[in-house]
N, C-alpha and C. Protein backbone atom coordinates (compact mmCIF):
# COMPACT_ATOMS: atom_id res chain seq x y z
N MET A 1 26.73 28.74 -4.01
CA MET A 1 27.71 29.80 -3.94
C MET A 1 28.65 29.60 -2.76
N GLY A 2 28.15 29.00 -1.68
CA GLY A 2 28.97 28.78 -0.49
C GLY A 2 30.20 27.95 -0.78
N GLN A 3 30.04 26.92 -1.60
CA GLN A 3 31.19 26.06 -1.94
C GLN A 3 32.21 26.82 -2.79
N LEU A 4 31.72 27.65 -3.69
CA LEU A 4 32.63 28.44 -4.53
C LEU A 4 33.47 29.39 -3.69
N VAL A 5 32.83 30.02 -2.72
CA VAL A 5 33.53 30.95 -1.83
C VAL A 5 34.54 30.19 -0.97
N ARG A 6 34.17 29.01 -0.50
CA ARG A 6 35.11 28.22 0.31
C ARG A 6 36.30 27.77 -0.52
N HIS A 7 36.07 27.47 -1.79
CA HIS A 7 37.21 27.14 -2.67
C HIS A 7 38.12 28.35 -2.84
N LEU A 8 37.53 29.54 -2.92
CA LEU A 8 38.33 30.76 -3.00
C LEU A 8 39.19 30.91 -1.74
N TYR A 9 38.60 30.66 -0.57
CA TYR A 9 39.37 30.74 0.68
C TYR A 9 40.54 29.75 0.67
N ARG A 10 40.28 28.54 0.18
CA ARG A 10 41.36 27.54 0.11
C ARG A 10 42.45 27.96 -0.86
N LEU A 11 42.05 28.52 -1.99
CA LEU A 11 43.02 29.02 -2.96
C LEU A 11 43.88 30.12 -2.34
N LEU A 12 43.25 31.04 -1.64
CA LEU A 12 43.98 32.14 -1.02
C LEU A 12 44.91 31.66 0.09
N ILE A 13 44.47 30.67 0.88
CA ILE A 13 45.37 30.16 1.93
C ILE A 13 46.54 29.42 1.28
N GLY A 14 46.31 28.79 0.13
CA GLY A 14 47.41 28.17 -0.61
C GLY A 14 48.39 29.23 -1.10
N LEU A 15 47.87 30.34 -1.61
CA LEU A 15 48.74 31.43 -2.04
C LEU A 15 49.50 32.04 -0.85
N ALA A 16 48.86 32.08 0.31
CA ALA A 16 49.55 32.57 1.51
C ALA A 16 50.71 31.64 1.86
N CYS A 17 50.49 30.34 1.72
CA CYS A 17 51.57 29.38 1.98
C CYS A 17 52.72 29.56 0.99
N VAL A 18 52.37 29.74 -0.28
CA VAL A 18 53.40 29.97 -1.30
C VAL A 18 54.17 31.25 -0.98
N SER A 19 53.47 32.27 -0.51
CA SER A 19 54.12 33.53 -0.15
C SER A 19 55.09 33.33 1.01
N MET A 20 54.70 32.53 2.00
CA MET A 20 55.61 32.27 3.13
C MET A 20 56.84 31.49 2.68
N VAL A 21 56.66 30.55 1.77
CA VAL A 21 57.82 29.82 1.23
C VAL A 21 58.71 30.79 0.45
N ALA A 22 58.08 31.72 -0.28
CA ALA A 22 58.85 32.73 -1.02
C ALA A 22 59.68 33.59 -0.06
N VAL A 23 59.10 33.95 1.07
CA VAL A 23 59.85 34.73 2.08
C VAL A 23 61.08 33.94 2.52
N PHE A 24 60.87 32.66 2.82
CA PHE A 24 61.98 31.81 3.27
C PHE A 24 63.07 31.74 2.20
N VAL A 25 62.68 31.53 0.96
CA VAL A 25 63.67 31.42 -0.13
C VAL A 25 64.40 32.75 -0.32
N ILE A 26 63.67 33.85 -0.27
CA ILE A 26 64.29 35.17 -0.47
C ILE A 26 65.29 35.47 0.65
N VAL A 27 64.91 35.19 1.88
CA VAL A 27 65.81 35.45 3.01
C VAL A 27 67.04 34.55 2.91
N CYS A 28 66.85 33.28 2.59
CA CYS A 28 68.00 32.37 2.44
C CYS A 28 68.91 32.82 1.30
N LEU A 29 68.32 33.25 0.21
CA LEU A 29 69.12 33.74 -0.93
C LEU A 29 69.93 34.96 -0.52
N GLY A 30 69.31 35.87 0.22
CA GLY A 30 70.04 37.05 0.68
C GLY A 30 71.19 36.70 1.61
N ILE A 31 70.95 35.75 2.51
CA ILE A 31 72.01 35.33 3.44
C ILE A 31 73.15 34.67 2.68
N LEU A 32 72.79 33.75 1.78
CA LEU A 32 73.83 33.06 1.01
C LEU A 32 74.61 34.03 0.14
N ALA A 33 73.93 34.96 -0.48
CA ALA A 33 74.62 35.92 -1.36
C ALA A 33 75.61 36.76 -0.57
N ARG A 34 75.22 37.18 0.65
CA ARG A 34 76.13 38.01 1.44
C ARG A 34 77.26 37.21 2.07
N GLN A 35 76.99 35.99 2.52
CA GLN A 35 77.99 35.21 3.23
C GLN A 35 78.94 34.45 2.32
N VAL A 36 78.43 33.96 1.20
CA VAL A 36 79.25 33.14 0.32
C VAL A 36 79.93 33.96 -0.77
N THR A 37 79.15 34.79 -1.45
CA THR A 37 79.72 35.55 -2.58
C THR A 37 80.06 36.98 -2.21
N PHE A 38 79.69 37.41 -1.02
CA PHE A 38 79.92 38.78 -0.54
C PHE A 38 79.28 39.82 -1.47
N ILE A 39 78.17 39.42 -2.09
CA ILE A 39 77.43 40.32 -2.98
C ILE A 39 76.07 40.59 -2.35
N ASP A 40 75.71 41.85 -2.30
CA ASP A 40 74.39 42.22 -1.80
C ASP A 40 73.46 42.38 -3.00
N ILE A 41 72.41 41.57 -3.03
CA ILE A 41 71.45 41.66 -4.14
C ILE A 41 70.43 42.74 -3.80
N PRO A 42 70.43 43.83 -4.56
CA PRO A 42 69.51 44.93 -4.24
C PRO A 42 68.04 44.52 -4.42
N GLY A 43 67.21 44.97 -3.50
CA GLY A 43 65.78 44.75 -3.61
C GLY A 43 65.24 43.51 -2.93
N LEU A 44 66.12 42.64 -2.42
CA LEU A 44 65.64 41.41 -1.79
C LEU A 44 64.80 41.70 -0.55
N ASP A 45 65.20 42.69 0.22
CA ASP A 45 64.43 43.04 1.42
C ASP A 45 63.02 43.49 1.05
N ALA A 46 62.91 44.25 -0.02
CA ALA A 46 61.59 44.72 -0.47
C ALA A 46 60.72 43.54 -0.91
N TYR A 47 61.33 42.60 -1.65
CA TYR A 47 60.56 41.44 -2.10
C TYR A 47 60.12 40.56 -0.94
N ALA A 48 60.95 40.43 0.07
CA ALA A 48 60.54 39.68 1.27
C ALA A 48 59.37 40.39 1.95
N GLY A 49 59.41 41.69 2.02
CA GLY A 49 58.31 42.46 2.60
C GLY A 49 57.03 42.30 1.80
N TYR A 50 57.12 42.32 0.47
CA TYR A 50 55.95 42.13 -0.37
C TYR A 50 55.34 40.74 -0.13
N ALA A 51 56.20 39.74 -0.02
CA ALA A 51 55.71 38.37 0.18
C ALA A 51 55.07 38.22 1.56
N ILE A 52 55.62 38.86 2.57
CA ILE A 52 55.02 38.80 3.91
C ILE A 52 53.64 39.46 3.89
N ALA A 53 53.54 40.62 3.26
CA ALA A 53 52.25 41.31 3.17
C ALA A 53 51.24 40.47 2.40
N ALA A 54 51.68 39.84 1.31
CA ALA A 54 50.78 38.99 0.52
C ALA A 54 50.27 37.82 1.37
N ALA A 55 51.17 37.20 2.12
CA ALA A 55 50.76 36.08 2.98
C ALA A 55 49.74 36.53 4.01
N LEU A 56 49.96 37.68 4.61
CA LEU A 56 49.04 38.18 5.62
C LEU A 56 47.65 38.43 5.03
N PHE A 57 47.57 39.13 3.92
CA PHE A 57 46.27 39.48 3.36
C PHE A 57 45.57 38.29 2.73
N PHE A 58 46.32 37.37 2.10
CA PHE A 58 45.69 36.18 1.52
C PHE A 58 45.09 35.27 2.59
N ALA A 59 45.66 35.27 3.79
CA ALA A 59 45.21 34.37 4.85
C ALA A 59 44.01 34.91 5.64
N LEU A 60 43.64 36.16 5.46
CA LEU A 60 42.57 36.75 6.27
C LEU A 60 41.24 35.99 6.22
N PRO A 61 40.69 35.64 5.04
CA PRO A 61 39.38 34.98 5.05
C PRO A 61 39.40 33.60 5.71
N ALA A 62 40.40 32.80 5.42
CA ALA A 62 40.47 31.46 6.00
C ALA A 62 40.68 31.53 7.51
N ALA A 63 41.48 32.48 7.95
CA ALA A 63 41.69 32.64 9.39
C ALA A 63 40.39 33.05 10.08
N LEU A 64 39.62 33.90 9.44
CA LEU A 64 38.33 34.30 10.00
C LEU A 64 37.40 33.11 10.09
N MET A 65 37.33 32.33 9.03
CA MET A 65 36.43 31.18 9.00
C MET A 65 36.77 30.17 10.09
N HIS A 66 38.03 30.02 10.40
CA HIS A 66 38.45 29.06 11.41
C HIS A 66 38.50 29.65 12.82
N GLY A 67 38.04 30.89 12.96
CA GLY A 67 37.98 31.51 14.28
C GLY A 67 39.33 31.88 14.85
N ASP A 68 40.30 32.12 13.99
CA ASP A 68 41.64 32.44 14.46
C ASP A 68 41.87 33.93 14.68
N HIS A 69 40.90 34.75 14.35
CA HIS A 69 40.99 36.17 14.70
C HIS A 69 40.53 36.33 16.14
N ILE A 70 40.88 37.41 16.75
CA ILE A 70 40.54 37.64 18.15
C ILE A 70 39.02 37.80 18.28
N ARG A 71 38.45 37.02 19.15
CA ARG A 71 37.03 37.16 19.49
C ARG A 71 36.94 37.37 20.99
N VAL A 72 36.01 38.15 21.40
CA VAL A 72 35.89 38.49 22.81
C VAL A 72 34.98 37.45 23.48
N THR A 73 35.49 36.22 23.59
CA THR A 73 34.67 35.15 24.16
C THR A 73 34.45 35.34 25.65
N LEU A 74 35.36 36.00 26.33
CA LEU A 74 35.18 36.26 27.75
C LEU A 74 33.91 37.07 27.97
N LEU A 75 33.70 38.07 27.12
CA LEU A 75 32.50 38.89 27.20
C LEU A 75 31.28 38.12 26.68
N LEU A 76 31.43 37.43 25.57
CA LEU A 76 30.30 36.71 24.96
C LEU A 76 29.77 35.60 25.88
N ASP A 77 30.65 34.92 26.58
CA ASP A 77 30.23 33.81 27.45
C ASP A 77 29.40 34.30 28.63
N ARG A 78 29.53 35.54 29.00
CA ARG A 78 28.79 36.09 30.14
C ARG A 78 27.43 36.66 29.73
N MET A 79 27.16 36.72 28.44
CA MET A 79 25.90 37.27 27.96
C MET A 79 24.86 36.16 27.82
N GLY A 80 23.62 36.57 27.94
CA GLY A 80 22.53 35.65 27.67
C GLY A 80 22.42 35.40 26.18
N PRO A 81 21.64 34.40 25.78
CA PRO A 81 21.56 34.07 24.35
C PRO A 81 21.04 35.22 23.48
N ARG A 82 20.06 35.96 23.98
CA ARG A 82 19.49 37.06 23.20
C ARG A 82 20.50 38.21 23.05
N MET A 83 21.11 38.58 24.16
CA MET A 83 22.10 39.66 24.13
C MET A 83 23.31 39.26 23.28
N ARG A 84 23.72 38.01 23.40
CA ARG A 84 24.85 37.52 22.60
C ARG A 84 24.53 37.60 21.12
N SER A 85 23.32 37.23 20.74
CA SER A 85 22.91 37.29 19.34
C SER A 85 22.93 38.72 18.82
N VAL A 86 22.41 39.64 19.61
CA VAL A 86 22.40 41.06 19.22
C VAL A 86 23.83 41.57 19.08
N PHE A 87 24.68 41.21 20.03
CA PHE A 87 26.08 41.65 20.00
C PHE A 87 26.80 41.08 18.77
N GLU A 88 26.58 39.80 18.47
CA GLU A 88 27.24 39.18 17.31
C GLU A 88 26.74 39.77 16.01
N TRP A 89 25.43 40.06 15.91
CA TRP A 89 24.90 40.72 14.72
C TRP A 89 25.54 42.09 14.53
N GLY A 90 25.63 42.85 15.61
CA GLY A 90 26.25 44.16 15.52
C GLY A 90 27.71 44.07 15.09
N ALA A 91 28.42 43.10 15.65
CA ALA A 91 29.83 42.92 15.30
C ALA A 91 29.98 42.52 13.83
N LEU A 92 29.14 41.62 13.35
CA LEU A 92 29.22 41.20 11.94
C LEU A 92 28.91 42.36 10.99
N ILE A 93 27.90 43.13 11.32
CA ILE A 93 27.53 44.25 10.44
C ILE A 93 28.62 45.33 10.46
N ALA A 94 29.15 45.62 11.64
CA ALA A 94 30.23 46.61 11.72
C ALA A 94 31.47 46.12 10.98
N ALA A 95 31.79 44.84 11.14
CA ALA A 95 32.95 44.28 10.44
C ALA A 95 32.75 44.30 8.94
N GLN A 96 31.52 44.02 8.49
CA GLN A 96 31.23 44.07 7.05
C GLN A 96 31.44 45.48 6.51
N ALA A 97 30.97 46.47 7.25
CA ALA A 97 31.14 47.86 6.81
C ALA A 97 32.61 48.24 6.77
N LEU A 98 33.35 47.88 7.81
CA LEU A 98 34.77 48.24 7.86
C LEU A 98 35.59 47.52 6.78
N THR A 99 35.35 46.23 6.60
CA THR A 99 36.12 45.49 5.58
C THR A 99 35.70 45.90 4.17
N GLY A 100 34.44 46.28 3.99
CA GLY A 100 34.02 46.80 2.69
C GLY A 100 34.74 48.09 2.35
N TYR A 101 34.86 48.97 3.34
CA TYR A 101 35.59 50.22 3.14
C TYR A 101 37.08 49.93 2.90
N LEU A 102 37.64 49.01 3.66
CA LEU A 102 39.05 48.65 3.49
C LEU A 102 39.29 48.09 2.09
N ALA A 103 38.39 47.24 1.61
CA ALA A 103 38.55 46.67 0.27
C ALA A 103 38.46 47.77 -0.79
N TRP A 104 37.50 48.68 -0.63
CA TRP A 104 37.36 49.79 -1.57
C TRP A 104 38.64 50.63 -1.59
N TYR A 105 39.16 50.93 -0.41
CA TYR A 105 40.37 51.74 -0.30
C TYR A 105 41.57 51.01 -0.92
N ALA A 106 41.67 49.70 -0.70
CA ALA A 106 42.79 48.93 -1.25
C ALA A 106 42.74 48.91 -2.78
N VAL A 107 41.55 48.71 -3.34
CA VAL A 107 41.41 48.72 -4.80
C VAL A 107 41.73 50.10 -5.34
N ARG A 108 41.26 51.12 -4.67
CA ARG A 108 41.55 52.51 -5.09
C ARG A 108 43.05 52.79 -5.04
N SER A 109 43.71 52.28 -4.02
CA SER A 109 45.15 52.47 -3.88
C SER A 109 45.91 51.80 -5.04
N VAL A 110 45.48 50.60 -5.41
CA VAL A 110 46.10 49.90 -6.54
C VAL A 110 45.91 50.72 -7.81
N TRP A 111 44.69 51.19 -8.03
CA TRP A 111 44.40 51.97 -9.23
C TRP A 111 45.22 53.25 -9.29
N LEU A 112 45.31 53.97 -8.16
CA LEU A 112 46.10 55.20 -8.14
C LEU A 112 47.58 54.93 -8.39
N SER A 113 48.10 53.86 -7.82
CA SER A 113 49.51 53.51 -8.06
C SER A 113 49.73 53.16 -9.52
N TYR A 114 48.75 52.52 -10.12
CA TYR A 114 48.88 52.13 -11.53
C TYR A 114 48.85 53.34 -12.45
N ILE A 115 47.89 54.23 -12.23
CA ILE A 115 47.77 55.36 -13.17
C ILE A 115 48.85 56.42 -12.96
N THR A 116 49.44 56.48 -11.76
CA THR A 116 50.50 57.45 -11.52
C THR A 116 51.90 56.85 -11.71
N HIS A 117 51.95 55.58 -12.08
CA HIS A 117 53.22 54.89 -12.29
C HIS A 117 54.12 54.96 -11.06
N ASP A 118 53.51 54.77 -9.90
CA ASP A 118 54.24 54.82 -8.63
C ASP A 118 55.13 53.59 -8.51
N VAL A 119 56.39 53.80 -8.15
CA VAL A 119 57.33 52.69 -7.99
C VAL A 119 57.90 52.68 -6.58
N SER A 120 58.41 51.53 -6.20
CA SER A 120 59.00 51.37 -4.88
C SER A 120 60.23 52.25 -4.74
N PRO A 121 60.39 52.88 -3.58
CA PRO A 121 61.58 53.73 -3.38
C PRO A 121 62.85 52.92 -3.12
N SER A 122 62.71 51.62 -2.95
CA SER A 122 63.90 50.80 -2.70
C SER A 122 64.63 50.51 -4.01
N ALA A 123 65.68 49.75 -3.92
CA ALA A 123 66.55 49.51 -5.08
C ALA A 123 65.86 48.71 -6.18
N ASP A 124 64.78 48.00 -5.86
CA ASP A 124 64.13 47.18 -6.88
C ASP A 124 63.28 47.98 -7.86
N ALA A 125 62.77 49.14 -7.45
CA ALA A 125 61.94 50.02 -8.28
C ALA A 125 60.76 49.27 -8.91
N THR A 126 60.14 48.40 -8.14
CA THR A 126 58.97 47.64 -8.59
C THR A 126 57.76 48.57 -8.67
N PRO A 127 56.97 48.46 -9.73
CA PRO A 127 55.71 49.22 -9.75
C PRO A 127 54.86 48.79 -8.55
N LEU A 128 54.44 49.74 -7.74
CA LEU A 128 53.77 49.40 -6.48
C LEU A 128 52.40 48.75 -6.65
N TRP A 129 51.77 48.91 -7.79
CA TRP A 129 50.46 48.30 -7.97
C TRP A 129 50.56 46.77 -7.95
N ILE A 130 51.70 46.22 -8.27
CA ILE A 130 51.84 44.76 -8.31
C ILE A 130 51.75 44.16 -6.90
N PRO A 131 52.57 44.58 -5.93
CA PRO A 131 52.38 44.03 -4.59
C PRO A 131 51.08 44.49 -3.92
N GLN A 132 50.61 45.69 -4.27
CA GLN A 132 49.36 46.19 -3.69
C GLN A 132 48.16 45.37 -4.18
N LEU A 133 48.29 44.74 -5.32
CA LEU A 133 47.21 43.91 -5.85
C LEU A 133 46.91 42.74 -4.92
N CYS A 134 47.96 42.17 -4.31
CA CYS A 134 47.76 41.08 -3.34
C CYS A 134 46.96 41.58 -2.14
N MET A 135 47.26 42.78 -1.68
CA MET A 135 46.53 43.37 -0.57
C MET A 135 45.06 43.57 -0.95
N ALA A 136 44.81 44.08 -2.14
CA ALA A 136 43.44 44.34 -2.58
C ALA A 136 42.65 43.04 -2.69
N VAL A 137 43.25 42.01 -3.26
CA VAL A 137 42.56 40.72 -3.39
C VAL A 137 42.23 40.16 -2.00
N GLY A 138 43.18 40.22 -1.09
CA GLY A 138 42.93 39.74 0.26
C GLY A 138 41.85 40.52 0.98
N CYS A 139 41.83 41.84 0.80
CA CYS A 139 40.80 42.69 1.43
C CYS A 139 39.42 42.42 0.86
N ILE A 140 39.34 42.23 -0.45
CA ILE A 140 38.06 41.91 -1.09
C ILE A 140 37.55 40.57 -0.57
N ALA A 141 38.43 39.59 -0.49
CA ALA A 141 38.03 38.27 0.01
C ALA A 141 37.63 38.33 1.49
N PHE A 142 38.29 39.17 2.26
CA PHE A 142 37.95 39.34 3.68
C PHE A 142 36.54 39.93 3.82
N ALA A 143 36.24 40.95 3.02
CA ALA A 143 34.90 41.54 3.03
C ALA A 143 33.86 40.52 2.57
N LEU A 144 34.22 39.73 1.56
CA LEU A 144 33.33 38.67 1.09
C LEU A 144 33.10 37.63 2.17
N ALA A 145 34.13 37.34 2.97
CA ALA A 145 33.98 36.38 4.05
C ALA A 145 32.99 36.86 5.10
N PHE A 146 33.04 38.13 5.43
CA PHE A 146 32.06 38.66 6.39
C PHE A 146 30.66 38.66 5.80
N LEU A 147 30.53 38.97 4.52
CA LEU A 147 29.22 38.90 3.87
C LEU A 147 28.71 37.46 3.87
N ASP A 148 29.59 36.51 3.60
CA ASP A 148 29.24 35.09 3.64
C ASP A 148 28.79 34.68 5.04
N ALA A 149 29.46 35.19 6.06
CA ALA A 149 29.07 34.88 7.45
C ALA A 149 27.70 35.46 7.79
N ILE A 150 27.42 36.66 7.29
CA ILE A 150 26.11 37.28 7.52
C ILE A 150 25.01 36.48 6.84
N VAL A 151 25.24 36.09 5.59
CA VAL A 151 24.24 35.29 4.85
C VAL A 151 24.01 33.96 5.55
N ALA A 152 25.09 33.32 6.00
CA ALA A 152 24.95 32.05 6.72
C ALA A 152 24.13 32.24 7.98
N ARG A 153 24.38 33.30 8.69
CA ARG A 153 23.63 33.58 9.93
C ARG A 153 22.16 33.86 9.63
N LEU A 154 21.88 34.57 8.54
CA LEU A 154 20.49 34.81 8.13
C LEU A 154 19.77 33.51 7.81
N ARG A 155 20.50 32.56 7.25
CA ARG A 155 19.92 31.25 6.91
C ARG A 155 19.87 30.31 8.10
N GLY A 156 20.41 30.74 9.23
CA GLY A 156 20.34 29.94 10.44
C GLY A 156 21.39 28.86 10.56
N ARG A 157 22.46 28.95 9.82
CA ARG A 157 23.52 27.96 9.95
C ARG A 157 24.80 28.61 10.47
N GLU A 158 25.61 27.78 11.10
CA GLU A 158 26.88 28.27 11.67
C GLU A 158 27.90 28.40 10.55
N TRP A 159 28.62 29.50 10.55
CA TRP A 159 29.62 29.75 9.50
C TRP A 159 31.03 29.48 10.00
N PHE A 160 31.31 29.83 11.24
CA PHE A 160 32.65 29.68 11.78
C PHE A 160 32.96 28.21 12.06
N ILE A 161 34.16 27.81 11.73
CA ILE A 161 34.62 26.45 12.00
C ILE A 161 35.52 26.51 13.21
N ALA A 162 35.09 25.93 14.32
CA ALA A 162 35.89 25.97 15.54
C ALA A 162 36.71 24.68 15.63
N GLY A 163 37.99 24.80 15.38
CA GLY A 163 38.89 23.66 15.50
C GLY A 163 39.46 23.59 16.89
N PRO A 164 40.21 22.52 17.17
CA PRO A 164 40.82 22.41 18.50
C PRO A 164 41.81 23.51 18.74
N GLY A 165 41.63 24.21 19.85
CA GLY A 165 42.56 25.28 20.24
C GLY A 165 42.29 26.60 19.55
N SER A 166 41.22 26.70 18.76
CA SER A 166 40.95 27.97 18.08
C SER A 166 40.25 28.93 19.03
N ALA A 167 40.25 30.18 18.65
CA ALA A 167 39.65 31.22 19.49
C ALA A 167 38.13 31.12 19.51
N ALA A 168 37.54 30.49 18.49
CA ALA A 168 36.08 30.39 18.40
C ALA A 168 35.54 29.26 19.25
N GLU A 169 36.40 28.45 19.78
CA GLU A 169 35.99 27.29 20.55
C GLU A 169 35.37 27.67 21.85
């Protein structure tokens, strides 16, 4: 199962990259449309915002795995091995609870937007459940990443990948 989850993280980081490229294309299109044709394309700002949010949420699990989220290493380095272990267990369990709640709330938000036919207030009038779906998928994967880290820790193996210059190093 570990390999399947890691493939999911890679897929999501790929989608985050595609989202960032989409932001670049949307912003360039908006600039070109205003400067060359003097036409303002309605809704481009909203689509750029949707793509930025998608990139952020899709990247959460891979960023966690690589130790790119903020970790309090200054505090952890001063603790003994036993205290550090207790502190890390507490942090993982608290993070699992919080991300589980966040994922539940994100899925609920998508469902409510879908059943109430909620649309964007901007000029694009996009059904909000579509961009919110990216947030929900990212939140679910983030909660899954913490669960994966807890299972790895229970099995006695290291889950975080500390690369050069990462916060986990």
